[in-house]
């Protein structure tokens, strides 16, 4: 789950500004397959629990549920 991810207001040199996620569910309603990697772009303001992500070819998908993704461990990157 990515509830611990927050939008960064002012990144500095030590701030990680992009996070790779992995899809953790297999659903016909998601544009991703189980285990597929995406780039987390942030939580949508005013839509608690929803995020925007970019897929591997750069398409941006939004209004997806945060709980459908997990943080990809750095050793898997």
Protein backbone atom coordinates (compact mmCIF):
# COMPACT_ATOMS: atom_id res chain seq x y z
CA UNK A 1 0.00 0.00 0.00
CA UNK A 2 1.21 3.50 -0.71
CA UNK A 3 -0.60 5.49 1.95
CA UNK A 4 2.77 6.69 3.23
CA UNK A 5 3.49 8.48 -0.07
CA UNK A 6 2.77 12.20 -0.02
CA UNK A 7 3.16 15.00 -2.53
CA UNK A 8 6.47 16.77 -2.18
CA UNK A 9 6.08 20.52 -1.74
CA UNK A 10 9.69 21.54 -2.35
CA UNK A 11 12.14 18.80 -3.27
CA UNK A 12 15.79 19.26 -2.40
CA UNK A 13 18.82 17.24 -3.44
CA UNK A 14 18.05 14.51 -0.86
CA UNK A 15 14.36 14.14 -1.74
CA UNK A 16 13.30 11.20 -3.85
CA UNK A 17 10.88 12.80 -6.31
CA UNK A 18 9.85 9.70 -8.24
CA UNK A 19 8.79 6.32 -6.97
CA UNK A 20 8.35 3.10 -8.90
CA UNK A 21 5.29 1.08 -7.96
CA UNK A 22 4.09 -2.38 -8.81
CA UNK A 23 0.46 -3.30 -9.47
CA UNK A 24 -0.64 -5.63 -6.66
CA UNK A 25 -4.07 -6.69 -7.93
CA UNK A 26 -5.38 -8.50 -10.99
CA UNK A 27 -8.50 -6.70 -12.13
CA UNK A 28 -10.18 -6.36 -15.53
CA UNK A 29 -10.98 -2.75 -14.59
CA UNK A 30 -7.33 -1.67 -14.28
CA UNK A 31 -5.19 -0.79 -17.31
CA UNK A 32 -2.30 -2.75 -15.71
CA UNK A 33 -1.54 -6.40 -15.14
CA UNK A 34 -0.51 -7.89 -11.83
CA UNK A 35 3.19 -7.19 -11.30
CA UNK A 36 3.44 -4.44 -13.92
CA UNK A 37 5.61 -1.46 -12.97
CA UNK A 38 4.39 2.14 -13.05
CA UNK A 39 5.76 5.54 -12.03
CA UNK A 40 3.82 7.17 -9.19
CA UNK A 41 3.05 10.82 -10.00
CA UNK A 42 1.21 11.69 -6.80
CA UNK A 43 -2.06 11.64 -4.97
CA UNK A 44 -4.88 13.62 -6.56
CA UNK A 45 -5.84 16.68 -4.49
CA UNK A 46 -9.46 16.50 -3.39
CA UNK A 47 -9.68 12.77 -4.17
CA UNK A 48 -8.38 11.11 -1.02
CA UNK A 49 -7.02 7.62 -1.74
CA UNK A 50 -6.65 8.15 -5.49
CA UNK A 51 -3.46 8.68 -7.48
CA UNK A 52 -2.01 9.36 -10.91
CA UNK A 53 0.59 7.03 -12.42
CA UNK A 54 2.48 6.76 -15.71
CA UNK A 55 2.92 3.45 -17.49
CA UNK A 56 6.06 2.19 -19.23
CA UNK A 57 5.32 4.02 -22.49
CA UNK A 58 4.48 7.33 -20.80
CA UNK A 59 0.68 7.26 -20.76
CA UNK A 60 -0.72 8.89 -17.64
CA UNK A 61 -3.61 7.19 -15.82
CA UNK A 62 -5.48 8.93 -13.02
CA UNK A 63 -8.23 8.32 -10.46
CA UNK A 64 -6.75 4.92 -9.60
CA UNK A 65 -6.93 3.62 -6.04
CA UNK A 66 -3.73 3.86 -4.01
CA UNK A 67 -4.33 0.42 -2.47
CA UNK A 68 -3.98 -1.23 -5.90
CA UNK A 69 -0.24 -0.48 -5.91
CA UNK A 70 2.76 -1.25 -3.74
CA UNK A 71 6.20 0.30 -3.56
CA UNK A 72 8.73 -1.56 -5.66
CA UNK A 73 11.73 -2.53 -3.49
CA UNK A 74 14.97 -0.86 -4.57
CA UNK A 75 16.65 -4.24 -5.10
CA UNK A 76 14.02 -4.98 -7.82
CA UNK A 77 14.67 -1.78 -9.78
